[in-house]
Amino acid sequence: MLPASLALASCGVPSSAGEGPPASQNAIPAGNVDAADAFTMEAMGTLDEPWAMTFVPGMEMLVITERGGAIRALDTASGRIMDVGGAPAVAYGGQGGLGDITFLPGEDAANGATRTIYISFAESGENNTRGAALGRGTFTCDESACAISDFNVIWRQQPKVSGSGHYSHRLAFSPDGQFLFVASGDRQKMDPAQDTSNTLGSIVRLLPDGSAAPGNPLSGEAGASDEIWSWGHRNVLGLAFDGQGRLWDLEHGPRGGDELNLVEPGRNYGWPVVSNGNHYSGAHIPNHDTRPEFAPPAISWNPVIAPGDLIFPDSALFPSLSGKAVATGLSSEALVIVDIARAKASETARYRFGNRLRAVEQGPDGAIWLAEDGAGATLWRLTPRP
């Protein structure tokens, strides 16, 4: 069982990437639990700007995207890290580059070492524009080599715009494997998040081939995108289903107001009309409780945690995490635990690592894997302390 501690983080002005301050500006408050006191921590290698990771279904192979455009595969049995060929070309810069990665559910028994892989990334457009894109390909892997073939783009964030922030492009398959949810950030343009004719600032629900899923809430509505599941989002960097089959997102607020949201079809989450933070300029934004027509967050943070990723562990190794949201923090440099059992979610623990944390995943054996953020990032395997 993990020790419990309730604490708040502090955060300074945003970095140029818009994802919280560098570590030197972040004051770790008293009361946090040092990660080394909560976990046995095993360093498993060093990565260059890792962004997302997932295990190949049915294998002990961890696949990791690096924002600059490389994909790595770690054979967790041998400790060997391999390059994965066939990655798409990316628009690298700012927050742009390779994004999330996942596999089509249900193929682990049928197709041996061959899987259908999905990768999101920032894609260049005309006239110095960029946008998130999602591609699908065939992934093959054995003990000596891994590669992606027949990779094709199946969905694009619309429209492409200038700038290089707030792509979001997190991916989550529904528990039954029938639908693929994609987080589509507001691209730092704000107002389009309230315009349902585009997909900026929204979460979309697709079929596995990238087409709009039937029965989406705005389907058939004149002028609205039939891909949209929910809208009014800012920059979603966590997207995951809990053990009850409910979809949650974890998103960056502006100056304050990071949010964990229960994502429900047809709901408007209010950005940029409301937020529990203010603009970076200091200009006021009305709080969520002033506009009840917008879906409120289950919990918000001010000061921010600057979230990087989100999972809902189901591991016999960590029974105290069962049914809880586990989020990585960038400027907060911590693993943040949130209890979602009640109507109002609450933070129950925070584990300090002393470095910005980007990606988190649960391994087949129940261990928790963490990737730090940035160049020279350490990949950690966490198990309970004896």
Protein backbone atom coordinates (compact mmCIF):
# COMPACT_ATOMS: atom_id res chain seq x y z
CA MET A 1 0.00 0.00 0.00
CA LEU A 2 1.26 3.48 -0.80
CA PRO A 3 1.54 6.13 1.90
CA ALA A 4 -1.00 8.94 1.58
CA SER A 5 -0.30 12.65 1.65
CA LEU A 6 -2.43 15.63 0.66
CA ALA A 7 -0.47 18.60 -0.67
CA LEU A 8 -0.65 21.46 -3.16
CA ALA A 9 1.97 22.44 -5.71
CA SER A 10 3.04 25.92 -6.70
CA CYS A 11 3.74 27.19 -10.16
CA GLY A 12 5.22 30.32 -11.67
CA VAL A 13 4.68 31.90 -15.06
CA PRO A 14 4.25 29.57 -18.04
CA SER A 15 7.17 28.45 -20.16
CA SER A 16 7.36 29.29 -23.84
CA ALA A 17 5.94 25.84 -24.58
CA GLY A 18 2.87 26.68 -22.50
CA GLU A 19 3.19 23.64 -20.21
CA GLY A 20 4.28 25.12 -16.90
CA PRO A 21 7.55 26.59 -15.64
CA PRO A 22 10.95 24.89 -15.76
CA ALA A 23 11.98 22.97 -12.67
CA SER A 24 14.13 25.80 -11.31
CA GLN A 25 11.03 27.99 -10.92
CA ASN A 26 8.90 25.40 -9.15
CA ALA A 27 8.84 25.47 -5.34
CA ILE A 28 8.08 22.02 -3.90
CA PRO A 29 5.75 22.60 -0.95
CA ALA A 30 6.22 20.94 2.41
CA GLY A 31 4.22 17.78 2.95
CA ASN A 32 4.91 16.01 -0.35
CA VAL A 33 6.15 12.42 -0.12
CA ASP A 34 9.47 11.77 -1.80
CA ALA A 35 9.01 9.12 -4.52
CA ALA A 36 11.95 7.10 -3.20
CA ASP A 37 10.07 6.68 0.08
CA ALA A 38 7.01 5.30 -1.70
CA PHE A 39 8.44 3.18 -4.53
CA THR A 40 11.31 0.95 -5.48
CA MET A 41 12.61 2.88 -8.50
CA GLU A 42 14.52 1.14 -11.27
CA ALA A 43 16.05 3.25 -14.06
CA MET A 44 15.43 1.48 -17.38
CA GLY A 45 17.16 3.82 -19.84
CA THR A 46 17.39 7.36 -21.15
CA LEU A 47 15.19 8.92 -23.82
CA ASP A 48 15.11 12.15 -25.82
CA GLU A 49 11.87 14.11 -25.24
CA PRO A 50 9.57 11.12 -24.69
CA TRP A 51 5.88 11.95 -25.07
CA ALA A 52 3.84 8.75 -24.81
CA MET A 53 4.28 5.03 -24.30
CA THR A 54 2.25 1.85 -24.33
CA PHE A 55 2.86 -1.87 -24.11
CA VAL A 56 2.32 -4.04 -27.18
CA PRO A 57 -0.71 -6.19 -26.30
CA GLY A 58 0.34 -9.68 -25.27
CA MET A 59 4.05 -8.80 -25.22
CA GLU A 60 6.59 -7.43 -22.75
CA MET A 61 7.52 -4.76 -25.30
CA LEU A 62 7.13 -1.09 -24.39
CA VAL A 63 6.83 1.31 -27.35
CA ILE A 64 7.70 4.97 -26.77
CA THR A 65 7.30 8.06 -28.95
CA GLU A 66 9.90 10.85 -28.80
CA ARG A 67 8.66 14.28 -29.74
CA GLY A 68 11.44 14.89 -32.26
CA GLY A 69 10.15 12.07 -34.48
CA ALA A 70 11.73 8.82 -33.28
CA ILE A 71 9.94 5.75 -31.93
CA ARG A 72 11.72 3.38 -29.54
CA ALA A 73 10.84 -0.13 -28.38
CA LEU A 74 12.11 -1.49 -25.08
CA ASP A 75 12.22 -5.25 -24.60
CA THR A 76 11.52 -5.20 -20.88
CA ALA A 77 12.71 -8.80 -20.49
CA SER A 78 16.21 -8.10 -21.82
CA GLY A 79 16.45 -4.33 -21.28
CA ARG A 80 17.33 -3.75 -24.93
CA ILE A 81 16.09 -0.52 -26.56
CA MET A 82 15.53 -0.65 -30.34
CA ASP A 83 14.68 1.95 -32.95
CA VAL A 84 11.32 1.45 -34.67
CA GLY A 85 11.30 2.23 -38.39
CA GLY A 86 8.44 3.78 -40.31
CA ALA A 87 7.54 6.75 -38.10
CA PRO A 88 5.68 9.59 -39.87
CA ALA A 89 7.35 12.92 -40.64
CA VAL A 90 6.41 15.46 -37.98
CA ALA A 91 6.19 19.24 -37.58
CA TYR A 92 8.67 19.48 -34.71
CA GLY A 93 8.80 22.62 -32.62
CA GLY A 94 7.05 24.26 -29.69
CA GLN A 95 4.77 21.51 -28.41
CA GLY A 96 4.66 19.81 -31.81
CA GLY A 97 6.14 16.49 -32.86
CA LEU A 98 5.25 12.86 -32.33
CA GLY A 99 2.34 12.42 -29.95
CA ASP A 100 0.35 9.50 -28.59
CA ILE A 101 0.50 5.84 -29.48
CA THR A 102 -1.92 2.94 -29.04
CA PHE A 103 -2.86 -0.41 -30.55
CA LEU A 104 -6.15 -1.76 -31.87
CA PRO A 105 -7.65 -3.87 -29.06
CA GLY A 106 -8.31 -7.56 -29.55
CA GLU A 107 -5.39 -8.52 -31.82
CA ASP A 108 -2.97 -9.97 -29.27
CA ALA A 109 -4.09 -13.58 -29.69
CA ALA A 110 -5.04 -13.54 -33.37
CA ASN A 111 -2.11 -11.92 -35.13
CA GLY A 112 1.03 -13.10 -33.33
CA ALA A 113 3.64 -10.35 -33.42
CA THR A 114 1.67 -8.21 -35.92
CA ARG A 115 -0.54 -5.41 -34.63
CA THR A 116 -2.51 -2.43 -35.93
CA ILE A 117 -0.85 0.67 -34.50
CA TYR A 118 -2.21 4.23 -34.15
CA ILE A 119 0.06 7.26 -33.80
CA SER A 120 -0.84 10.93 -33.44
CA PHE A 121 1.53 13.71 -34.49
CA ALA A 122 1.81 17.36 -35.47
CA GLU A 123 1.56 17.71 -39.25
CA SER A 124 2.65 20.63 -41.43
CA GLY A 125 0.16 22.34 -43.73
CA GLU A 126 0.14 25.13 -46.28
CA ASN A 127 1.18 28.72 -45.50
CA ASN A 128 3.05 27.90 -42.30
CA THR A 129 0.12 26.14 -40.66
CA ARG A 130 0.07 22.96 -38.59
CA GLY A 131 -2.42 20.61 -37.03
CA ALA A 132 -2.75 17.33 -35.20
CA ALA A 133 -3.09 14.22 -37.33
CA LEU A 134 -3.75 10.56 -36.63
CA GLY A 135 -2.33 7.70 -38.64
CA ARG A 136 -2.75 3.94 -38.70
CA GLY A 137 -0.28 1.29 -39.80
CA THR A 138 0.95 -2.26 -39.31
CA PHE A 139 3.40 -2.88 -36.49
CA THR A 140 5.66 -5.93 -36.50
CA CYS A 141 8.16 -6.77 -33.81
CA ASP A 142 10.40 -9.57 -32.60
CA GLU A 143 13.44 -9.78 -30.34
CA SER A 144 15.71 -8.27 -33.01
CA ALA A 145 13.73 -5.54 -34.79
CA CYS A 146 10.48 -3.58 -34.83
CA ALA A 147 8.97 -1.58 -37.70
CA ILE A 148 5.81 0.17 -38.90
CA SER A 149 4.57 -0.31 -42.47
CA ASP A 150 1.60 0.82 -44.56
CA PHE A 151 1.15 3.93 -42.40
CA ASN A 152 -1.64 6.23 -43.57
CA VAL A 153 -3.27 9.34 -42.08
CA ILE A 154 -6.91 8.58 -41.19
CA TRP A 155 -7.93 11.77 -39.33
CA ARG A 156 -6.86 15.42 -39.22
CA GLN A 157 -7.64 18.23 -36.81
CA GLN A 158 -9.61 20.89 -38.68
CA PRO A 159 -8.64 23.52 -39.51
CA LYS A 160 -4.86 23.72 -39.59
CA VAL A 161 -3.74 27.02 -38.06
CA SER A 162 -0.58 28.96 -37.28
CA GLY A 163 1.41 28.35 -34.12
CA SER A 164 2.87 25.26 -32.49
CA GLY A 165 0.98 24.71 -29.24
CA HIS A 166 -2.00 22.85 -27.78
CA TYR A 167 -2.26 19.96 -30.22
CA SER A 168 -3.41 17.64 -27.38
CA HIS A 169 -3.76 14.58 -29.70
CA ARG A 170 -4.19 12.05 -26.87
CA LEU A 171 -5.81 8.73 -27.86
CA ALA A 172 -8.10 6.33 -25.98
CA PHE A 173 -10.02 3.31 -27.23
CA SER A 174 -13.35 2.59 -25.56
CA PRO A 175 -13.24 -0.49 -23.32
CA ASP A 176 -15.14 -2.53 -25.93
CA GLY A 177 -12.61 -1.53 -28.61
CA GLN A 178 -15.34 -0.19 -30.91
CA PHE A 179 -14.53 3.53 -30.76
CA LEU A 180 -11.39 5.65 -30.77
CA PHE A 181 -11.48 8.95 -28.89
CA VAL A 182 -9.02 11.70 -29.88
CA ALA A 183 -8.34 14.88 -27.90
CA SER A 184 -8.12 17.88 -30.23
CA GLY A 185 -6.62 20.94 -28.52
CA ASP A 186 -7.64 24.55 -29.06
CA ARG A 187 -4.23 25.29 -30.69
CA GLN A 188 -3.97 28.38 -28.46
CA LYS A 189 -6.73 30.06 -30.51
CA MET A 190 -9.33 29.88 -27.69
CA ASP A 191 -12.61 30.94 -29.38
CA PRO A 192 -12.78 28.01 -31.84
CA ALA A 193 -13.30 25.74 -28.82
CA GLN A 194 -16.88 27.12 -28.68
CA ASP A 195 -17.44 26.74 -32.43
CA THR A 196 -18.69 23.25 -33.24
CA SER A 197 -18.19 23.70 -36.98
CA ASN A 198 -14.50 22.85 -36.40
CA THR A 199 -12.79 20.26 -34.20
CA LEU A 200 -10.40 22.56 -32.30
CA GLY A 201 -10.90 22.42 -28.54
CA SER A 202 -12.93 19.22 -28.68
CA ILE A 203 -12.84 15.49 -28.09
CA VAL A 204 -13.88 13.49 -31.13
CA ARG A 205 -15.25 9.94 -31.32
CA LEU A 206 -14.19 7.91 -34.35
CA LEU A 207 -14.48 4.42 -35.69
CA PRO A 208 -11.18 2.51 -35.87
CA ASP A 209 -10.85 3.49 -39.55
CA GLY A 210 -10.87 7.22 -38.62
CA SER A 211 -14.37 8.04 -39.80
CA ALA A 212 -16.93 9.74 -37.56
CA ALA A 213 -18.67 7.28 -35.27
CA PRO A 214 -22.42 6.99 -35.82
CA GLY A 215 -24.59 8.47 -33.09
CA ASN A 216 -22.24 11.30 -32.12
CA PRO A 217 -24.21 14.06 -30.33
CA LEU A 218 -24.01 16.68 -33.10
CA SER A 219 -24.54 14.30 -36.00
CA GLY A 220 -27.13 15.72 -38.37
CA GLU A 221 -26.99 19.20 -36.84
CA ALA A 222 -26.55 21.84 -39.55
CA GLY A 223 -23.07 23.35 -39.60
CA ALA A 224 -21.68 21.13 -36.81
CA SER A 225 -18.95 18.51 -37.04
CA ASP A 226 -20.31 14.97 -36.82
CA GLU A 227 -17.02 13.89 -35.19
CA ILE A 228 -17.46 15.86 -31.96
CA TRP A 229 -18.22 14.08 -28.68
CA SER A 230 -17.63 17.09 -26.38
CA TRP A 231 -16.23 20.61 -26.76
CA GLY A 232 -15.06 23.67 -24.85
CA HIS A 233 -11.69 22.07 -24.05
CA ARG A 234 -8.31 23.81 -23.90
CA ASN A 235 -5.25 21.53 -24.00
CA VAL A 236 -6.02 17.92 -23.10
CA LEU A 237 -2.88 15.98 -22.17
CA GLY A 238 -4.54 13.07 -20.41
CA LEU A 239 -7.36 10.92 -21.82
CA ALA A 240 -8.31 7.58 -20.27
CA PHE A 241 -11.19 5.31 -19.29
CA ASP A 242 -11.65 4.27 -15.67
CA GLY A 243 -12.62 0.81 -14.45
CA GLN A 244 -16.31 1.70 -14.72
CA GLY A 245 -15.97 2.51 -18.42
CA ARG A 246 -16.18 6.30 -17.94
CA LEU A 247 -14.02 8.63 -20.03
CA TRP A 248 -11.91 11.28 -18.25
CA ASP A 249 -9.70 14.06 -19.54
CA LEU A 250 -6.89 15.96 -17.83
CA GLU A 251 -6.22 19.38 -19.29
CA HIS A 252 -4.05 22.42 -18.82
CA GLY A 253 -5.72 25.58 -17.63
CA PRO A 254 -4.21 28.99 -18.36
CA ARG A 255 -2.61 30.64 -15.29
CA GLY A 256 -4.23 28.28 -12.80
CA GLY A 257 -7.24 26.06 -13.36
CA ASP A 258 -5.84 22.73 -14.55
CA GLU A 259 -8.82 20.36 -14.76
CA LEU A 260 -9.81 16.72 -14.44
CA ASN A 261 -13.12 16.27 -16.28
CA LEU A 262 -15.60 13.44 -16.58
CA VAL A 263 -16.21 13.57 -20.35
CA GLU A 264 -19.83 13.09 -21.34
CA PRO A 265 -21.41 13.24 -24.81
CA GLY A 266 -22.76 16.59 -25.97
CA ARG A 267 -21.36 18.52 -22.99
CA ASN A 268 -19.62 21.91 -23.31
CA TYR A 269 -16.73 22.31 -20.85
CA GLY A 270 -16.65 26.08 -21.11
CA TRP A 271 -13.25 27.11 -22.45
CA PRO A 272 -12.51 30.01 -23.01
CA VAL A 273 -15.71 31.48 -21.54
CA VAL A 274 -15.02 30.06 -18.08
CA SER A 275 -12.00 28.70 -16.24
CA ASN A 276 -10.84 28.41 -12.65
CA GLY A 277 -7.69 30.23 -13.74
CA ASN A 278 -6.94 33.54 -15.43
CA HIS A 279 -5.22 34.53 -18.65
CA TYR A 280 -1.41 34.69 -18.64
CA SER A 281 -1.75 38.46 -18.96
CA GLY A 282 -3.58 38.49 -15.63
CA ALA A 283 -6.92 39.28 -17.27
CA HIS A 284 -9.83 37.74 -15.37
CA ILE A 285 -11.82 34.74 -16.62
CA PRO A 286 -15.14 33.99 -14.88
CA ASN A 287 -15.05 30.83 -12.76
CA HIS A 288 -17.00 27.72 -13.70
CA ASP A 289 -19.51 28.26 -10.92
CA THR A 290 -20.71 31.48 -12.57
CA ARG A 291 -22.01 29.63 -15.65
CA PRO A 292 -23.87 26.44 -14.69
CA GLU A 293 -24.71 25.67 -18.32
CA PHE A 294 -21.09 24.54 -18.78
CA ALA A 295 -19.89 21.19 -17.41
CA PRO A 296 -17.72 21.86 -14.32
CA PRO A 297 -14.45 20.04 -13.64
CA ALA A 298 -14.43 17.18 -11.16
CA ILE A 299 -11.38 18.85 -9.62
CA SER A 300 -9.24 21.83 -10.59
CA TRP A 301 -5.84 22.97 -9.40
CA ASN A 302 -4.66 26.45 -8.58
CA PRO A 303 -1.63 26.48 -8.38
CA VAL A 304 -1.44 24.10 -11.33
CA ILE A 305 0.08 20.63 -11.57
CA ALA A 306 0.83 21.08 -15.33
CA PRO A 307 -0.40 17.60 -16.30
CA GLY A 308 1.43 15.34 -18.72
CA ASP A 309 -0.53 12.08 -18.82
CA LEU A 310 -3.26 10.05 -17.08
CA ILE A 311 -3.98 6.40 -16.26
CA PHE A 312 -6.36 4.45 -14.03
CA PRO A 313 -4.26 1.58 -12.67
CA ASP A 314 -5.71 -1.84 -11.98
CA SER A 315 -2.78 -3.58 -10.34
CA ALA A 316 -2.46 -6.05 -7.50
CA LEU A 317 0.93 -4.49 -6.82
CA PHE A 318 -0.71 -1.17 -5.93
CA PRO A 319 -4.12 -1.88 -4.40
CA SER A 320 -4.33 1.65 -2.95
CA LEU A 321 -4.39 3.05 -6.51
CA SER A 322 -7.34 0.95 -7.65
CA GLY A 323 -10.15 3.19 -8.85
CA LYS A 324 -8.01 6.32 -8.67
CA ALA A 325 -6.70 8.66 -11.34
CA VAL A 326 -2.90 8.78 -11.55
CA ALA A 327 -1.51 11.85 -13.29
CA THR A 328 2.00 12.94 -14.13
CA GLY A 329 2.97 16.52 -13.38
CA LEU A 330 5.36 18.67 -15.38
CA SER A 331 6.00 21.82 -13.33
CA SER A 332 4.77 20.03 -10.19
CA GLU A 333 7.41 17.31 -10.82
CA ALA A 334 5.16 14.78 -9.16
CA LEU A 335 2.88 11.81 -9.54
CA VAL A 336 -0.54 13.07 -8.46
CA ILE A 337 -3.23 10.70 -7.14
CA VAL A 338 -6.92 11.68 -7.34
CA ASP A 339 -9.84 9.82 -5.77
CA ILE A 340 -12.82 9.90 -8.16
CA ALA A 341 -15.17 7.74 -6.08
CA ARG A 342 -17.30 10.68 -4.95
CA ALA A 343 -19.12 13.36 -6.94
CA LYS A 344 -16.40 15.85 -6.03
CA ALA A 345 -12.99 14.36 -6.79
CA SER A 346 -10.14 14.98 -4.34
CA GLU A 347 -6.38 14.73 -4.45
CA THR A 348 -5.23 12.10 -1.95
CA ALA A 349 -1.48 11.83 -2.51
CA ARG A 350 1.44 13.41 -4.32
CA TYR A 351 4.83 11.78 -4.87
CA ARG A 352 7.77 14.06 -5.59
CA PHE A 353 10.34 13.06 -8.23
CA GLY A 354 12.37 16.26 -8.61
CA ASN A 355 12.02 16.16 -12.40
CA ARG A 356 9.22 16.96 -14.83
CA LEU A 357 7.14 13.85 -15.54
CA ARG A 358 5.58 13.29 -18.97
CA ALA A 359 4.24 9.78 -19.60
CA VAL A 360 2.83 7.04 -17.38
CA GLU A 361 1.75 3.47 -18.15
CA GLN A 362 0.98 0.25 -16.30
CA GLY A 363 2.99 -2.80 -17.30
CA PRO A 364 1.62 -6.31 -17.84
CA ASP A 365 2.94 -7.33 -14.40
CA GLY A 366 1.30 -4.35 -12.68
CA ALA A 367 4.44 -2.23 -12.33
CA ILE A 368 4.08 1.48 -13.11
CA TRP A 369 6.32 2.95 -15.79
CA LEU A 370 7.18 6.66 -15.88
CA ALA A 371 9.03 8.74 -18.44
CA GLU A 372 10.49 12.08 -17.46
CA ASP A 373 10.13 15.07 -19.80
CA GLY A 374 12.75 16.64 -22.04
CA ALA A 375 16.22 15.71 -23.29
CA GLY A 376 18.06 13.02 -21.36
CA ALA A 377 14.82 11.87 -19.71
CA THR A 378 14.99 8.81 -17.46
CA LEU A 379 12.56 5.94 -17.95
CA TRP A 380 11.54 4.51 -14.57
CA ARG A 381 9.93 1.24 -13.49
CA LEU A 382 8.14 1.57 -10.15
CA THR A 383 7.21 -1.25 -7.79
CA PRO A 384 6.21 -1.12 -4.11
CA ARG A 385 8.93 -0.81 -1.51
CA PRO A 386 9.49 -4.03 0.43
